[in-house]
């Protein structure tokens, strides 16, 4: 099995040898066995956990490049006449959010959906690639609040709020 120990950024200038389609959570990894869309298995062994974007690629030890493309996933398209207020509520819950000109995209979450509807937002359910904003503390990404594993935060305050599902 081939091993990828390096990531190449902005592969737009190179023709990839293969492609792998990964959702948002799948694009956050350090060590994992993956399979390309054409069925070739390979192992990723990176020195640290990183967040990959749709313009990145895995470099296999034989020099081949596996391009990354975002996988469509269940999202909520959020619109409101005062979108910054809605974005604040989403951000206050440390929820990954893709910010567009006149709408926001978040992963499907019935608790957040109910809260946003109470705030007057219009919600549309859709399947689309999810490429949210990166985190503010140098992580390069924020995390969904329903993970079962813990995350070290660079904040120097105690994060003692809890989310109910």
N, C-alpha and C. Protein backbone atom coordinates (compact mmCIF):
# COMPACT_ATOMS: atom_id res chain seq x y z
N UNK A 1 0.85 -1.18 0.00
CA UNK A 1 0.00 0.00 0.00
C UNK A 1 0.89 1.24 0.00
N UNK A 2 0.53 2.21 -0.82
CA UNK A 2 1.31 3.44 -0.91
C UNK A 2 1.03 4.32 0.31
N UNK A 3 1.98 5.18 0.62
CA UNK A 3 1.88 6.06 1.78
C UNK A 3 2.01 7.51 1.34
N UNK A 4 1.16 8.36 1.89
CA UNK A 4 1.25 9.80 1.67
C UNK A 4 1.72 10.43 2.98
N UNK A 5 2.89 11.05 2.96
CA UNK A 5 3.42 11.73 4.14
C UNK A 5 3.55 13.22 3.90
N UNK A 6 3.01 13.67 2.78
CA UNK A 6 3.15 15.08 2.40
C UNK A 6 1.86 15.54 1.73
N UNK A 7 1.55 16.81 1.94
CA UNK A 7 0.39 17.46 1.31
C UNK A 7 0.93 18.53 0.38
N UNK A 8 0.33 18.64 -0.79
CA UNK A 8 0.68 19.72 -1.71
C UNK A 8 -0.49 20.70 -1.72
N UNK A 9 -0.19 21.98 -1.65
CA UNK A 9 -1.23 23.02 -1.67
C UNK A 9 -1.43 23.52 -3.10
N UNK A 10 -2.61 23.99 -3.39
CA UNK A 10 -2.93 24.60 -4.68
C UNK A 10 -2.49 23.74 -5.85
N UNK A 11 -3.08 22.55 -5.96
CA UNK A 11 -2.70 21.64 -7.04
C UNK A 11 -3.31 22.03 -8.38
N UNK A 12 -3.99 23.18 -8.44
CA UNK A 12 -4.61 23.61 -9.68
C UNK A 12 -3.62 23.61 -10.84
N UNK A 13 -2.35 23.84 -10.55
CA UNK A 13 -1.35 23.93 -11.61
C UNK A 13 -0.84 22.56 -12.05
N UNK A 14 -1.19 21.49 -11.32
CA UNK A 14 -0.72 20.14 -11.66
C UNK A 14 -1.91 19.24 -11.94
N UNK A 15 -1.72 18.31 -12.82
CA UNK A 15 -2.77 17.35 -13.12
C UNK A 15 -2.67 16.20 -12.13
N UNK A 16 -3.71 15.96 -11.36
CA UNK A 16 -3.64 14.87 -10.38
C UNK A 16 -3.67 13.51 -11.06
N UNK A 17 -3.12 12.52 -10.38
CA UNK A 17 -3.12 11.16 -10.89
C UNK A 17 -4.38 10.42 -10.49
N UNK A 18 -5.04 10.88 -9.44
CA UNK A 18 -6.27 10.27 -8.97
C UNK A 18 -7.00 11.30 -8.11
N UNK A 19 -8.21 10.97 -7.68
CA UNK A 19 -9.04 11.88 -6.89
C UNK A 19 -9.63 11.11 -5.71
N UNK A 20 -9.79 11.79 -4.58
CA UNK A 20 -10.51 11.23 -3.44
C UNK A 20 -11.55 12.26 -3.01
N UNK A 21 -12.76 11.80 -2.75
CA UNK A 21 -13.85 12.66 -2.33
C UNK A 21 -14.06 12.48 -0.83
N UNK A 22 -13.88 13.57 -0.07
CA UNK A 22 -13.97 13.52 1.38
C UNK A 22 -14.93 14.59 1.89
N UNK A 23 -15.73 14.25 2.91
CA UNK A 23 -16.59 15.26 3.52
C UNK A 23 -15.76 16.13 4.47
N UNK A 24 -16.40 17.08 5.12
CA UNK A 24 -15.70 18.03 5.99
C UNK A 24 -14.91 17.33 7.08
N UNK A 25 -15.54 16.37 7.76
CA UNK A 25 -14.83 15.66 8.83
C UNK A 25 -13.69 14.81 8.26
N UNK A 26 -13.90 14.23 7.09
CA UNK A 26 -12.89 13.41 6.46
C UNK A 26 -11.66 14.18 6.02
N UNK A 27 -11.81 15.49 5.85
CA UNK A 27 -10.68 16.34 5.44
C UNK A 27 -9.87 16.84 6.63
N UNK A 28 -10.10 16.28 7.81
CA UNK A 28 -9.36 16.63 9.02
C UNK A 28 -8.72 15.35 9.54
N UNK A 29 -7.42 15.19 9.30
CA UNK A 29 -6.79 13.93 9.63
C UNK A 29 -5.29 14.06 9.83
N UNK A 30 -4.73 13.01 10.40
CA UNK A 30 -3.28 12.89 10.56
C UNK A 30 -2.83 11.53 10.04
N UNK A 31 -3.47 10.48 10.54
CA UNK A 31 -3.09 9.12 10.13
C UNK A 31 -4.36 8.34 9.86
N UNK A 32 -4.50 7.87 8.62
CA UNK A 32 -5.72 7.17 8.26
C UNK A 32 -5.53 6.40 6.96
N UNK A 33 -6.21 5.27 6.85
CA UNK A 33 -6.24 4.52 5.60
C UNK A 33 -7.39 5.07 4.77
N UNK A 34 -7.11 5.44 3.53
CA UNK A 34 -8.13 6.02 2.66
C UNK A 34 -8.18 5.24 1.35
N UNK A 35 -9.22 5.47 0.58
CA UNK A 35 -9.34 4.86 -0.74
C UNK A 35 -9.75 5.92 -1.75
N UNK A 36 -9.03 5.96 -2.87
CA UNK A 36 -9.35 6.93 -3.92
C UNK A 36 -10.70 6.57 -4.54
N UNK A 37 -11.25 7.51 -5.29
CA UNK A 37 -12.54 7.27 -5.95
C UNK A 37 -12.44 6.13 -6.96
N UNK A 38 -11.22 5.86 -7.47
CA UNK A 38 -11.04 4.75 -8.43
C UNK A 38 -10.73 3.43 -7.74
N UNK A 39 -10.65 3.43 -6.37
CA UNK A 39 -10.50 2.18 -5.64
C UNK A 39 -9.10 1.84 -5.14
N UNK A 40 -8.14 2.74 -5.27
CA UNK A 40 -6.79 2.45 -4.77
C UNK A 40 -6.66 2.87 -3.30
N UNK A 41 -6.27 1.92 -2.46
CA UNK A 41 -6.08 2.21 -1.04
C UNK A 41 -4.71 2.83 -0.83
N UNK A 42 -4.63 3.76 0.12
CA UNK A 42 -3.35 4.34 0.51
C UNK A 42 -3.44 4.76 1.96
N UNK A 43 -2.28 4.93 2.57
CA UNK A 43 -2.22 5.30 3.98
C UNK A 43 -1.69 6.73 4.09
N UNK A 44 -2.36 7.55 4.88
CA UNK A 44 -1.90 8.90 5.16
C UNK A 44 -1.19 8.87 6.51
N UNK A 45 0.03 9.35 6.53
CA UNK A 45 0.81 9.46 7.77
C UNK A 45 1.46 10.83 7.79
N UNK A 46 0.79 11.78 8.44
CA UNK A 46 1.28 13.16 8.50
C UNK A 46 1.87 13.43 9.88
N UNK A 47 2.80 14.38 9.98
CA UNK A 47 3.41 14.67 11.28
C UNK A 47 2.44 15.27 12.30
N UNK A 48 1.36 15.90 11.83
CA UNK A 48 0.37 16.48 12.73
C UNK A 48 -0.99 16.47 12.06
N UNK A 49 -2.03 16.61 12.85
CA UNK A 49 -3.38 16.65 12.32
C UNK A 49 -3.58 17.98 11.59
N UNK A 50 -4.10 17.91 10.36
CA UNK A 50 -4.33 19.12 9.60
C UNK A 50 -5.71 19.10 8.96
N UNK A 51 -6.15 20.28 8.57
CA UNK A 51 -7.39 20.45 7.86
C UNK A 51 -7.06 20.66 6.39
N UNK A 52 -7.62 19.82 5.54
CA UNK A 52 -7.33 19.88 4.11
C UNK A 52 -8.42 20.62 3.37
N UNK A 53 -8.02 21.34 2.33
CA UNK A 53 -9.00 22.07 1.53
C UNK A 53 -9.18 21.38 0.18
N UNK A 54 -10.12 21.87 -0.59
CA UNK A 54 -10.42 21.28 -1.89
C UNK A 54 -9.32 21.57 -2.91
N UNK A 55 -8.35 22.40 -2.60
CA UNK A 55 -7.26 22.66 -3.53
C UNK A 55 -5.99 21.93 -3.12
N UNK A 56 -6.07 21.09 -2.07
CA UNK A 56 -4.92 20.32 -1.61
C UNK A 56 -4.89 18.95 -2.29
N UNK A 57 -3.75 18.30 -2.14
CA UNK A 57 -3.62 16.94 -2.65
C UNK A 57 -2.65 16.15 -1.80
N UNK A 58 -2.84 14.85 -1.76
CA UNK A 58 -1.90 13.96 -1.08
C UNK A 58 -0.79 13.63 -2.06
N UNK A 59 0.46 13.65 -1.59
CA UNK A 59 1.59 13.24 -2.42
C UNK A 59 2.02 11.85 -1.95
N UNK A 60 1.88 10.87 -2.82
CA UNK A 60 2.29 9.50 -2.49
C UNK A 60 3.81 9.40 -2.61
N UNK A 61 4.39 8.40 -1.94
CA UNK A 61 5.85 8.26 -1.94
C UNK A 61 6.41 8.01 -3.33
N UNK A 62 5.57 7.55 -4.28
CA UNK A 62 6.05 7.35 -5.65
C UNK A 62 5.89 8.61 -6.51
N UNK A 63 5.47 9.74 -5.86
CA UNK A 63 5.37 11.02 -6.57
C UNK A 63 4.00 11.33 -7.14
N UNK A 64 3.11 10.36 -7.15
CA UNK A 64 1.77 10.63 -7.68
C UNK A 64 1.00 11.53 -6.73
N UNK A 65 0.04 12.27 -7.29
CA UNK A 65 -0.78 13.20 -6.51
C UNK A 65 -2.24 12.77 -6.55
N UNK A 66 -2.84 12.70 -5.35
CA UNK A 66 -4.26 12.38 -5.21
C UNK A 66 -4.98 13.68 -4.84
N UNK A 67 -5.76 14.21 -5.77
CA UNK A 67 -6.49 15.46 -5.53
C UNK A 67 -7.65 15.21 -4.57
N UNK A 68 -7.97 16.24 -3.79
CA UNK A 68 -9.08 16.17 -2.83
C UNK A 68 -10.24 16.98 -3.37
N UNK A 69 -11.41 16.40 -3.35
CA UNK A 69 -12.61 17.16 -3.69
C UNK A 69 -13.63 16.99 -2.57
N UNK A 70 -14.35 18.06 -2.25
CA UNK A 70 -15.33 17.97 -1.15
C UNK A 70 -16.55 17.14 -1.55
N UNK A 71 -16.97 16.30 -0.61
CA UNK A 71 -18.13 15.44 -0.82
C UNK A 71 -19.40 16.19 -0.42
N UNK A 72 -20.44 16.13 -1.22
CA UNK A 72 -21.71 16.74 -0.80
C UNK A 72 -22.21 16.09 0.49
N UNK A 73 -22.75 16.91 1.39
CA UNK A 73 -23.29 16.42 2.65
C UNK A 73 -24.55 17.19 3.01
N UNK A 74 -25.27 16.71 4.00
CA UNK A 74 -26.53 17.34 4.40
C UNK A 74 -26.26 18.66 5.10
N UNK A 75 -26.75 19.73 4.50
CA UNK A 75 -26.50 21.08 5.03
C UNK A 75 -27.82 21.83 5.19
N UNK A 76 -27.72 22.90 5.96
CA UNK A 76 -28.82 23.85 6.09
C UNK A 76 -28.37 25.18 5.50
N UNK A 77 -29.14 25.68 4.54
CA UNK A 77 -28.88 27.01 3.95
C UNK A 77 -29.71 28.00 4.76
N UNK A 78 -29.03 28.95 5.39
CA UNK A 78 -29.68 29.86 6.32
C UNK A 78 -29.70 31.26 5.72
N UNK A 79 -30.89 31.84 5.61
CA UNK A 79 -31.03 33.23 5.16
C UNK A 79 -31.82 34.01 6.19
N UNK A 80 -31.56 35.32 6.23
CA UNK A 80 -32.21 36.20 7.19
C UNK A 80 -31.93 37.63 6.74
N UNK A 81 -32.81 38.56 7.09
CA UNK A 81 -32.57 39.94 6.66
C UNK A 81 -31.48 40.62 7.48
N UNK A 82 -31.04 40.01 8.57
CA UNK A 82 -29.90 40.53 9.35
C UNK A 82 -28.93 39.37 9.59
N UNK A 83 -28.27 38.96 8.50
CA UNK A 83 -27.41 37.78 8.54
C UNK A 83 -26.27 37.85 9.55
N UNK A 84 -25.66 39.02 9.80
CA UNK A 84 -24.59 39.05 10.82
C UNK A 84 -25.07 38.60 12.20
N UNK A 85 -26.30 38.93 12.57
CA UNK A 85 -26.83 38.49 13.86
C UNK A 85 -26.94 36.97 13.91
N UNK A 86 -27.40 36.37 12.83
CA UNK A 86 -27.53 34.92 12.75
C UNK A 86 -26.13 34.28 12.78
N UNK A 87 -25.19 34.87 12.07
CA UNK A 87 -23.81 34.35 12.07
C UNK A 87 -23.23 34.40 13.48
N UNK A 88 -23.54 35.42 14.24
CA UNK A 88 -23.05 35.51 15.61
C UNK A 88 -23.58 34.35 16.45
N UNK A 89 -24.87 34.04 16.32
CA UNK A 89 -25.46 32.94 17.09
C UNK A 89 -24.83 31.60 16.70
N UNK A 90 -24.56 31.41 15.43
CA UNK A 90 -23.91 30.18 14.97
C UNK A 90 -22.48 30.11 15.52
N UNK A 91 -21.73 31.19 15.40
CA UNK A 91 -20.36 31.24 15.88
C UNK A 91 -20.27 31.09 17.39
N UNK A 92 -21.25 31.61 18.10
CA UNK A 92 -21.27 31.51 19.56
C UNK A 92 -21.37 30.05 20.02
N UNK A 93 -21.83 29.19 19.14
CA UNK A 93 -21.94 27.76 19.46
C UNK A 93 -20.78 26.96 18.86
N UNK A 94 -19.75 27.65 18.40
CA UNK A 94 -18.55 27.01 17.82
C UNK A 94 -18.92 26.03 16.71
N UNK A 95 -19.91 26.41 15.92
CA UNK A 95 -20.39 25.57 14.83
C UNK A 95 -19.70 25.96 13.53
N UNK A 96 -19.13 25.00 12.81
CA UNK A 96 -18.54 25.33 11.51
C UNK A 96 -19.58 25.98 10.61
N UNK A 97 -19.17 27.03 9.88
CA UNK A 97 -20.11 27.80 9.08
C UNK A 97 -19.42 28.27 7.79
N UNK A 98 -20.07 28.02 6.68
CA UNK A 98 -19.61 28.53 5.39
C UNK A 98 -20.36 29.82 5.13
N UNK A 99 -19.63 30.92 4.94
CA UNK A 99 -20.23 32.23 4.79
C UNK A 99 -20.24 32.65 3.33
N UNK A 100 -21.41 32.86 2.80
CA UNK A 100 -21.58 33.34 1.43
C UNK A 100 -22.14 34.75 1.48
N UNK A 101 -22.27 35.38 0.34
CA UNK A 101 -22.70 36.78 0.28
C UNK A 101 -24.06 37.02 0.95
N UNK A 102 -25.04 36.15 0.65
CA UNK A 102 -26.38 36.40 1.18
C UNK A 102 -26.99 35.20 1.90
N UNK A 103 -26.14 34.24 2.29
CA UNK A 103 -26.62 33.11 3.08
C UNK A 103 -25.46 32.45 3.79
N UNK A 104 -25.80 31.60 4.75
CA UNK A 104 -24.82 30.82 5.51
C UNK A 104 -25.14 29.35 5.30
N UNK A 105 -24.11 28.51 5.34
CA UNK A 105 -24.31 27.07 5.28
C UNK A 105 -23.74 26.45 6.55
N UNK A 106 -24.53 25.58 7.18
CA UNK A 106 -24.06 24.82 8.33
C UNK A 106 -24.46 23.36 8.12
N UNK A 107 -23.78 22.46 8.85
CA UNK A 107 -24.16 21.06 8.78
C UNK A 107 -25.54 20.88 9.39
N UNK A 108 -26.29 19.92 8.87
CA UNK A 108 -27.65 19.65 9.36
C UNK A 108 -27.60 19.35 10.85
N UNK A 109 -28.40 20.06 11.60
CA UNK A 109 -28.45 19.92 13.06
C UNK A 109 -29.82 20.42 13.50
N UNK A 110 -30.65 19.50 14.00
CA UNK A 110 -32.04 19.90 14.32
C UNK A 110 -32.12 20.90 15.46
N UNK A 111 -31.19 20.84 16.41
CA UNK A 111 -31.21 21.80 17.53
C UNK A 111 -30.93 23.22 17.01
N UNK A 112 -29.87 23.34 16.19
CA UNK A 112 -29.56 24.65 15.61
C UNK A 112 -30.65 25.11 14.66
N UNK A 113 -31.20 24.18 13.91
CA UNK A 113 -32.28 24.53 12.98
C UNK A 113 -33.46 25.13 13.74
N UNK A 114 -33.86 24.50 14.84
CA UNK A 114 -34.97 25.03 15.65
C UNK A 114 -34.64 26.41 16.20
N UNK A 115 -33.41 26.59 16.73
CA UNK A 115 -33.00 27.87 17.29
C UNK A 115 -33.02 28.96 16.21
N UNK A 116 -32.48 28.64 15.03
CA UNK A 116 -32.41 29.64 13.96
C UNK A 116 -33.80 30.01 13.46
N UNK A 117 -34.71 29.05 13.41
CA UNK A 117 -36.09 29.36 13.02
C UNK A 117 -36.75 30.29 14.05
N UNK A 118 -36.47 30.05 15.34
CA UNK A 118 -37.00 30.93 16.39
C UNK A 118 -36.47 32.36 16.24
N UNK A 119 -35.25 32.48 15.71
CA UNK A 119 -34.65 33.80 15.48
C UNK A 119 -35.15 34.44 14.18
N UNK A 120 -36.04 33.76 13.46
CA UNK A 120 -36.63 34.32 12.24
C UNK A 120 -35.89 33.96 10.96
N UNK A 121 -34.96 33.05 11.02
CA UNK A 121 -34.22 32.66 9.82
C UNK A 121 -35.04 31.73 8.95
N UNK A 122 -34.81 31.81 7.66
CA UNK A 122 -35.38 30.85 6.72
C UNK A 122 -34.34 29.76 6.51
N UNK A 123 -34.79 28.52 6.53
CA UNK A 123 -33.89 27.37 6.44
C UNK A 123 -34.28 26.54 5.23
N UNK A 124 -33.30 26.19 4.42
CA UNK A 124 -33.51 25.28 3.29
C UNK A 124 -32.53 24.12 3.44
N UNK A 125 -33.04 22.90 3.37
CA UNK A 125 -32.18 21.72 3.47
C UNK A 125 -31.65 21.39 2.08
N UNK A 126 -30.36 21.07 2.01
CA UNK A 126 -29.76 20.74 0.73
C UNK A 126 -28.56 19.83 0.89
N UNK A 127 -28.13 19.23 -0.20
CA UNK A 127 -26.92 18.41 -0.26
C UNK A 127 -25.92 19.21 -1.08
N UNK A 128 -24.76 19.51 -0.48
CA UNK A 128 -23.75 20.30 -1.18
C UNK A 128 -22.40 20.09 -0.50
N UNK A 129 -21.30 20.38 -1.22
CA UNK A 129 -19.99 20.36 -0.57
C UNK A 129 -19.95 21.41 0.53
N UNK A 130 -19.25 21.13 1.62
CA UNK A 130 -19.18 22.03 2.77
C UNK A 130 -17.74 22.47 2.98
N UNK A 131 -17.50 23.77 2.81
CA UNK A 131 -16.16 24.33 2.98
C UNK A 131 -16.24 25.56 3.89
N UNK A 132 -16.40 25.33 5.19
CA UNK A 132 -16.59 26.43 6.13
C UNK A 132 -15.32 27.24 6.37
N UNK A 133 -15.52 28.37 7.03
CA UNK A 133 -14.40 29.23 7.43
C UNK A 133 -13.50 28.49 8.40
N UNK A 134 -12.22 28.84 8.41
CA UNK A 134 -11.29 28.25 9.37
C UNK A 134 -11.46 28.88 10.74
N UNK A 135 -10.85 28.26 11.72
CA UNK A 135 -10.94 28.75 13.10
C UNK A 135 -10.06 29.98 13.32
N UNK A 136 -10.34 30.70 14.38
CA UNK A 136 -9.64 31.94 14.69
C UNK A 136 -8.40 31.74 15.55
N UNK A 137 -8.18 30.53 16.04
CA UNK A 137 -7.08 30.32 16.98
C UNK A 137 -5.91 29.57 16.37
N UNK A 138 -5.78 29.62 15.04
CA UNK A 138 -4.65 28.98 14.41
C UNK A 138 -4.85 27.52 14.10
N UNK A 139 -6.02 26.96 14.41
CA UNK A 139 -6.27 25.55 14.11
C UNK A 139 -6.53 25.37 12.62
N UNK A 140 -7.00 26.42 11.96
CA UNK A 140 -7.39 26.30 10.57
C UNK A 140 -8.79 25.77 10.40
N UNK A 141 -9.47 25.48 11.48
CA UNK A 141 -10.83 24.96 11.37
C UNK A 141 -11.51 25.01 12.72
N UNK A 142 -12.83 25.03 12.68
CA UNK A 142 -13.61 24.88 13.90
C UNK A 142 -14.21 23.48 13.85
N UNK A 143 -14.83 23.04 14.91
CA UNK A 143 -15.34 21.68 14.97
C UNK A 143 -16.81 21.66 15.28
N UNK A 144 -17.48 20.64 14.75
CA UNK A 144 -18.87 20.41 15.13
C UNK A 144 -18.90 20.11 16.61
N UNK A 145 -20.01 20.45 17.26
CA UNK A 145 -20.09 20.24 18.70
C UNK A 145 -20.58 18.85 19.06
N UNK A 146 -20.77 17.98 18.09
CA UNK A 146 -21.27 16.64 18.41
C UNK A 146 -20.19 15.57 18.30
N UNK A 147 -18.93 15.96 18.30
CA UNK A 147 -17.85 14.98 18.25
C UNK A 147 -17.79 14.21 19.55
N UNK A 148 -17.28 12.99 19.45
CA UNK A 148 -17.13 12.19 20.65
C UNK A 148 -15.72 12.26 21.20
N UNK A 149 -14.80 12.91 20.47
CA UNK A 149 -13.44 13.05 20.98
C UNK A 149 -13.21 14.49 21.38
N UNK A 150 -12.25 14.70 22.27
CA UNK A 150 -12.02 16.05 22.79
C UNK A 150 -11.04 16.80 21.91
N UNK A 151 -11.09 18.11 22.01
CA UNK A 151 -10.22 18.98 21.23
C UNK A 151 -9.54 19.95 22.16
N UNK A 152 -8.26 20.13 21.96
CA UNK A 152 -7.55 21.16 22.73
C UNK A 152 -7.85 22.50 22.09
N UNK A 153 -8.19 23.46 22.89
CA UNK A 153 -8.47 24.80 22.39
C UNK A 153 -7.37 25.75 22.84
N UNK A 154 -7.12 26.75 22.01
CA UNK A 154 -6.08 27.71 22.34
C UNK A 154 -6.63 28.84 23.21
N UNK A 155 -7.89 28.76 23.59
CA UNK A 155 -8.45 29.81 24.44
C UNK A 155 -7.80 29.73 25.82
N UNK A 156 -7.75 30.83 26.50
CA UNK A 156 -7.28 30.74 27.87
C UNK A 156 -8.42 30.97 28.85
N UNK A 157 -9.63 30.71 28.42
CA UNK A 157 -10.75 30.71 29.34
C UNK A 157 -11.31 29.31 29.40
N UNK A 158 -12.02 29.02 30.47
CA UNK A 158 -12.60 27.69 30.63
C UNK A 158 -13.86 27.60 29.78
N UNK A 159 -13.89 26.62 28.90
CA UNK A 159 -15.04 26.42 28.02
C UNK A 159 -16.01 25.51 28.75
N UNK A 160 -16.87 26.11 29.60
CA UNK A 160 -17.73 25.28 30.44
C UNK A 160 -19.19 25.28 30.02
N UNK A 161 -19.46 25.75 28.80
CA UNK A 161 -20.85 25.67 28.38
C UNK A 161 -21.08 24.31 27.71
N UNK A 162 -22.28 23.82 27.83
CA UNK A 162 -22.61 22.50 27.28
C UNK A 162 -23.75 22.66 26.29
N UNK A 163 -23.74 21.79 25.31
CA UNK A 163 -24.78 21.81 24.28
C UNK A 163 -25.70 20.63 24.52
N UNK A 164 -26.98 20.86 24.42
CA UNK A 164 -27.94 19.79 24.58
C UNK A 164 -28.45 19.37 23.22
N UNK A 165 -28.65 18.08 23.08
CA UNK A 165 -29.18 17.54 21.83
C UNK A 165 -30.45 16.81 22.09
